[in-house]
């Protein structure tokens, strides 16, 4: 994992965040897993973290229902999937891109 942090305030789709976030852990045993130490949403059996937009410890989901969030999403906010876009609020390590 490359020790590189991202800008606070960056907006990205959940799939992009999953591909870039060093805490995301997608395996057959644990799809959409989250290894962030502050992740509170866990699997009942394994107690391992789960990656969801509503509980991301590094970003918050942007909602069509929130006027401020619509401003962040921009003029085309209606065409974007609700609560699948996030705004980063904490630095995170980015995975090294595959070359």
N, C-alpha and C. Protein backbone atom coordinates (compact mmCIF):
# COMPACT_ATOMS: atom_id res chain seq x y z
N UNK A 1 0.84 -1.17 0.00
CA UNK A 1 0.00 0.00 0.00
C UNK A 1 0.89 1.24 0.00
N UNK A 2 0.63 2.14 -0.89
CA UNK A 2 1.39 3.37 -0.98
C UNK A 2 0.92 4.33 0.11
N UNK A 3 1.84 4.95 0.81
CA UNK A 3 1.49 5.87 1.89
C UNK A 3 1.21 7.24 1.30
N UNK A 4 0.02 7.38 0.74
CA UNK A 4 -0.37 8.62 0.08
C UNK A 4 -1.78 8.95 0.57
N UNK A 5 -2.02 10.17 0.96
CA UNK A 5 -3.35 10.55 1.44
C UNK A 5 -4.08 11.36 0.38
N UNK A 6 -5.39 11.38 0.49
CA UNK A 6 -6.23 12.09 -0.47
C UNK A 6 -6.71 13.40 0.14
N UNK A 7 -7.17 14.27 -0.71
CA UNK A 7 -7.63 15.58 -0.28
C UNK A 7 -8.96 15.49 0.46
N UNK A 8 -9.05 16.22 1.55
CA UNK A 8 -10.31 16.34 2.26
C UNK A 8 -11.27 17.09 1.33
N UNK A 9 -12.50 16.63 1.26
CA UNK A 9 -13.50 17.28 0.42
C UNK A 9 -13.66 16.66 -0.96
N UNK A 10 -12.79 15.74 -1.32
CA UNK A 10 -12.89 15.08 -2.63
C UNK A 10 -14.19 14.28 -2.70
N UNK A 11 -14.88 14.35 -3.84
CA UNK A 11 -16.14 13.64 -4.04
C UNK A 11 -15.90 12.50 -5.02
N UNK A 12 -16.39 11.30 -4.65
CA UNK A 12 -16.23 10.15 -5.54
C UNK A 12 -17.34 9.14 -5.33
N UNK A 13 -17.57 8.32 -6.35
CA UNK A 13 -18.55 7.25 -6.28
C UNK A 13 -18.02 6.15 -5.36
N UNK A 14 -18.90 5.43 -4.71
CA UNK A 14 -18.50 4.37 -3.77
C UNK A 14 -17.59 3.35 -4.45
N UNK A 15 -17.84 3.00 -5.70
CA UNK A 15 -17.00 2.02 -6.39
C UNK A 15 -15.58 2.55 -6.59
N UNK A 16 -15.45 3.83 -6.86
CA UNK A 16 -14.13 4.44 -7.02
C UNK A 16 -13.40 4.44 -5.67
N UNK A 17 -14.13 4.81 -4.62
CA UNK A 17 -13.51 4.80 -3.29
C UNK A 17 -13.04 3.39 -2.93
N UNK A 18 -13.86 2.39 -3.20
CA UNK A 18 -13.48 1.00 -2.89
C UNK A 18 -12.21 0.60 -3.64
N UNK A 19 -12.06 1.05 -4.86
CA UNK A 19 -10.88 0.72 -5.65
C UNK A 19 -9.63 1.45 -5.19
N UNK A 20 -9.81 2.57 -4.50
CA UNK A 20 -8.68 3.39 -4.09
C UNK A 20 -8.33 3.29 -2.61
N UNK A 21 -9.27 2.92 -1.80
CA UNK A 21 -9.07 2.94 -0.36
C UNK A 21 -8.28 1.73 0.12
N UNK A 22 -7.23 2.00 0.87
CA UNK A 22 -6.40 0.93 1.41
C UNK A 22 -7.05 0.14 2.52
N UNK A 23 -8.18 0.62 3.04
CA UNK A 23 -8.90 -0.11 4.09
C UNK A 23 -9.94 -1.07 3.53
N UNK A 24 -10.28 -0.90 2.24
CA UNK A 24 -11.28 -1.78 1.62
C UNK A 24 -10.69 -3.16 1.46
N UNK A 25 -11.47 -4.18 1.82
CA UNK A 25 -11.01 -5.57 1.77
C UNK A 25 -12.12 -6.41 1.18
N UNK A 26 -11.99 -6.74 -0.08
CA UNK A 26 -13.02 -7.52 -0.77
C UNK A 26 -12.48 -8.93 -1.00
N UNK A 27 -13.03 -9.88 -0.29
CA UNK A 27 -12.60 -11.27 -0.46
C UNK A 27 -13.83 -12.16 -0.53
N UNK A 28 -13.62 -13.40 -0.93
CA UNK A 28 -14.74 -14.34 -1.01
C UNK A 28 -15.36 -14.56 0.37
N UNK A 29 -14.51 -14.55 1.40
CA UNK A 29 -15.01 -14.77 2.75
C UNK A 29 -15.74 -13.52 3.28
N UNK A 30 -15.36 -12.36 2.76
CA UNK A 30 -15.90 -11.11 3.31
C UNK A 30 -16.05 -10.05 2.20
N UNK A 31 -17.07 -10.18 1.35
CA UNK A 31 -17.24 -9.16 0.32
C UNK A 31 -17.57 -7.81 0.94
N UNK A 32 -17.06 -6.76 0.36
CA UNK A 32 -17.24 -5.39 0.86
C UNK A 32 -16.81 -5.26 2.32
N UNK A 33 -15.64 -5.75 2.61
CA UNK A 33 -15.10 -5.64 3.95
C UNK A 33 -14.38 -4.32 4.15
N UNK A 34 -14.31 -3.88 5.40
CA UNK A 34 -13.61 -2.64 5.76
C UNK A 34 -12.70 -2.93 6.94
N UNK A 35 -11.40 -2.65 6.75
CA UNK A 35 -10.42 -2.88 7.80
C UNK A 35 -10.06 -1.60 8.56
N UNK A 36 -10.82 -0.54 8.37
CA UNK A 36 -10.53 0.72 9.07
C UNK A 36 -10.77 0.50 10.57
N UNK A 37 -9.85 0.95 11.42
CA UNK A 37 -10.00 0.71 12.86
C UNK A 37 -11.22 1.39 13.48
N UNK A 38 -11.76 2.42 12.83
CA UNK A 38 -12.93 3.13 13.37
C UNK A 38 -14.25 2.65 12.78
N UNK A 39 -14.22 1.61 11.96
CA UNK A 39 -15.47 1.11 11.35
C UNK A 39 -16.31 0.45 12.44
N UNK A 40 -17.54 0.94 12.61
CA UNK A 40 -18.42 0.42 13.65
C UNK A 40 -19.40 -0.61 13.13
N UNK A 41 -19.68 -0.61 11.84
CA UNK A 41 -20.60 -1.58 11.24
C UNK A 41 -19.84 -2.88 11.00
N UNK A 42 -20.25 -3.95 11.69
CA UNK A 42 -19.53 -5.21 11.57
C UNK A 42 -20.47 -6.37 11.28
N UNK A 43 -19.88 -7.43 10.78
CA UNK A 43 -20.61 -8.67 10.54
C UNK A 43 -20.89 -9.32 11.89
N UNK A 44 -22.11 -9.78 12.09
CA UNK A 44 -22.50 -10.37 13.37
C UNK A 44 -21.65 -11.58 13.75
N UNK A 45 -21.32 -12.42 12.77
CA UNK A 45 -20.57 -13.64 13.05
C UNK A 45 -19.07 -13.40 13.21
N UNK A 46 -18.49 -12.69 12.23
CA UNK A 46 -17.03 -12.55 12.21
C UNK A 46 -16.53 -11.33 12.97
N UNK A 47 -17.41 -10.38 13.23
CA UNK A 47 -17.06 -9.10 13.88
C UNK A 47 -16.10 -8.26 13.03
N UNK A 48 -15.96 -8.61 11.73
CA UNK A 48 -15.12 -7.85 10.81
C UNK A 48 -15.93 -6.69 10.24
N UNK A 49 -15.25 -5.60 9.91
CA UNK A 49 -15.90 -4.41 9.40
C UNK A 49 -16.55 -4.62 8.04
N UNK A 50 -17.63 -3.83 7.80
CA UNK A 50 -18.35 -3.89 6.53
C UNK A 50 -18.32 -2.50 5.88
N UNK A 51 -18.15 -2.47 4.57
CA UNK A 51 -18.07 -1.22 3.83
C UNK A 51 -19.44 -0.84 3.26
N UNK A 52 -20.00 0.24 3.78
CA UNK A 52 -21.27 0.79 3.30
C UNK A 52 -21.13 2.31 3.23
N UNK A 53 -21.88 2.93 2.35
CA UNK A 53 -21.81 4.39 2.24
C UNK A 53 -22.32 5.06 3.51
N UNK A 54 -23.31 4.49 4.17
CA UNK A 54 -23.92 5.14 5.34
C UNK A 54 -23.06 5.10 6.60
N UNK A 55 -21.99 4.31 6.58
CA UNK A 55 -21.17 4.21 7.79
C UNK A 55 -19.68 4.31 7.51
N UNK A 56 -19.31 4.89 6.41
CA UNK A 56 -17.89 4.99 6.04
C UNK A 56 -17.16 5.89 7.04
N UNK A 57 -16.07 5.40 7.62
CA UNK A 57 -15.34 6.22 8.60
C UNK A 57 -14.47 7.31 7.97
N UNK A 58 -14.34 7.33 6.64
CA UNK A 58 -13.50 8.36 6.00
C UNK A 58 -14.27 9.31 5.10
N UNK A 59 -15.54 9.00 4.84
CA UNK A 59 -16.34 9.85 3.94
C UNK A 59 -17.81 9.73 4.31
N UNK A 60 -18.59 10.74 3.91
CA UNK A 60 -20.03 10.64 4.18
C UNK A 60 -20.81 10.63 2.87
N UNK A 61 -21.90 9.89 2.89
CA UNK A 61 -22.75 9.76 1.70
C UNK A 61 -23.47 11.08 1.43
N UNK A 62 -23.53 11.44 0.15
CA UNK A 62 -24.23 12.66 -0.26
C UNK A 62 -25.64 12.28 -0.68
N UNK A 63 -26.62 12.96 -0.12
CA UNK A 63 -28.03 12.61 -0.32
C UNK A 63 -28.77 13.65 -1.16
N UNK A 64 -29.66 13.16 -2.00
CA UNK A 64 -30.53 14.05 -2.77
C UNK A 64 -31.43 14.88 -1.86
N UNK A 65 -31.71 14.38 -0.67
CA UNK A 65 -32.61 15.06 0.26
C UNK A 65 -31.96 16.24 0.97
N UNK A 66 -30.65 16.34 0.91
CA UNK A 66 -29.93 17.39 1.62
C UNK A 66 -29.51 18.49 0.64
N UNK A 67 -29.98 19.69 0.92
CA UNK A 67 -29.72 20.85 0.04
C UNK A 67 -28.21 21.10 -0.14
N UNK A 68 -27.46 21.03 0.95
CA UNK A 68 -26.01 21.25 0.87
C UNK A 68 -25.33 20.15 0.05
N UNK A 69 -25.79 18.91 0.22
CA UNK A 69 -25.23 17.81 -0.56
C UNK A 69 -25.52 18.00 -2.05
N UNK A 70 -26.71 18.47 -2.39
CA UNK A 70 -27.03 18.71 -3.80
C UNK A 70 -26.10 19.75 -4.40
N UNK A 71 -25.74 20.76 -3.63
CA UNK A 71 -24.78 21.78 -4.11
C UNK A 71 -23.42 21.14 -4.39
N UNK A 72 -23.00 20.26 -3.51
CA UNK A 72 -21.72 19.58 -3.67
C UNK A 72 -21.74 18.70 -4.93
N UNK A 73 -22.86 18.01 -5.15
CA UNK A 73 -22.97 17.12 -6.31
C UNK A 73 -23.06 17.89 -7.62
N UNK A 74 -23.50 19.13 -7.57
CA UNK A 74 -23.55 19.97 -8.77
C UNK A 74 -24.89 19.95 -9.46
N UNK A 75 -24.94 20.66 -10.58
CA UNK A 75 -26.22 20.87 -11.28
C UNK A 75 -26.84 19.58 -11.81
N UNK A 76 -26.05 18.55 -12.02
CA UNK A 76 -26.58 17.28 -12.54
C UNK A 76 -26.90 16.28 -11.43
N UNK A 77 -27.11 16.76 -10.20
CA UNK A 77 -27.30 15.87 -9.05
C UNK A 77 -28.45 14.89 -9.25
N UNK A 78 -29.50 15.28 -9.99
CA UNK A 78 -30.65 14.38 -10.18
C UNK A 78 -30.28 13.14 -10.98
N UNK A 79 -29.27 13.25 -11.82
CA UNK A 79 -28.88 12.11 -12.66
C UNK A 79 -27.94 11.14 -11.93
N UNK A 80 -27.49 11.52 -10.74
CA UNK A 80 -26.57 10.67 -9.97
C UNK A 80 -27.34 9.79 -8.99
N UNK A 81 -26.86 8.60 -8.78
CA UNK A 81 -27.50 7.68 -7.84
C UNK A 81 -27.47 8.26 -6.43
N UNK A 82 -28.61 8.21 -5.76
CA UNK A 82 -28.70 8.76 -4.41
C UNK A 82 -27.87 7.94 -3.43
N UNK A 83 -27.10 8.63 -2.62
CA UNK A 83 -26.28 8.06 -1.55
C UNK A 83 -25.25 7.04 -2.03
N UNK A 84 -24.84 7.13 -3.30
CA UNK A 84 -23.73 6.31 -3.79
C UNK A 84 -22.50 7.16 -4.04
N UNK A 85 -22.63 8.46 -3.82
CA UNK A 85 -21.52 9.40 -3.95
C UNK A 85 -21.14 9.85 -2.55
N UNK A 86 -19.84 9.95 -2.31
CA UNK A 86 -19.35 10.30 -0.99
C UNK A 86 -18.39 11.49 -1.07
N UNK A 87 -18.33 12.22 0.03
CA UNK A 87 -17.35 13.29 0.16
C UNK A 87 -16.38 12.89 1.27
N UNK A 88 -15.11 12.85 0.92
CA UNK A 88 -14.07 12.45 1.86
C UNK A 88 -13.94 13.50 2.97
N UNK A 89 -13.94 13.05 4.23
CA UNK A 89 -13.77 13.97 5.35
C UNK A 89 -12.53 13.64 6.19
N UNK A 90 -11.88 12.53 5.88
CA UNK A 90 -10.67 12.15 6.61
C UNK A 90 -9.64 11.62 5.62
N UNK A 91 -8.37 11.83 5.93
CA UNK A 91 -7.32 11.31 5.07
C UNK A 91 -7.33 9.78 5.12
N UNK A 92 -6.94 9.18 4.00
CA UNK A 92 -6.85 7.72 3.96
C UNK A 92 -5.68 7.32 3.07
N UNK A 93 -5.19 6.11 3.32
CA UNK A 93 -4.13 5.58 2.47
C UNK A 93 -4.74 5.04 1.21
N UNK A 94 -4.12 5.38 0.12
CA UNK A 94 -4.60 4.89 -1.18
C UNK A 94 -3.79 3.69 -1.61
N UNK A 95 -4.48 2.69 -2.16
CA UNK A 95 -3.78 1.52 -2.65
C UNK A 95 -2.96 1.90 -3.88
N UNK A 96 -1.87 1.21 -4.06
CA UNK A 96 -1.01 1.46 -5.21
C UNK A 96 -1.71 0.95 -6.46
N UNK A 97 -1.88 1.79 -7.48
CA UNK A 97 -2.57 1.33 -8.69
C UNK A 97 -1.83 0.18 -9.36
N UNK A 98 -2.59 -0.74 -9.95
CA UNK A 98 -1.98 -1.84 -10.70
C UNK A 98 -1.44 -1.32 -12.02
N UNK A 99 -0.26 -1.74 -12.37
CA UNK A 99 0.34 -1.28 -13.65
C UNK A 99 0.56 -2.43 -14.57
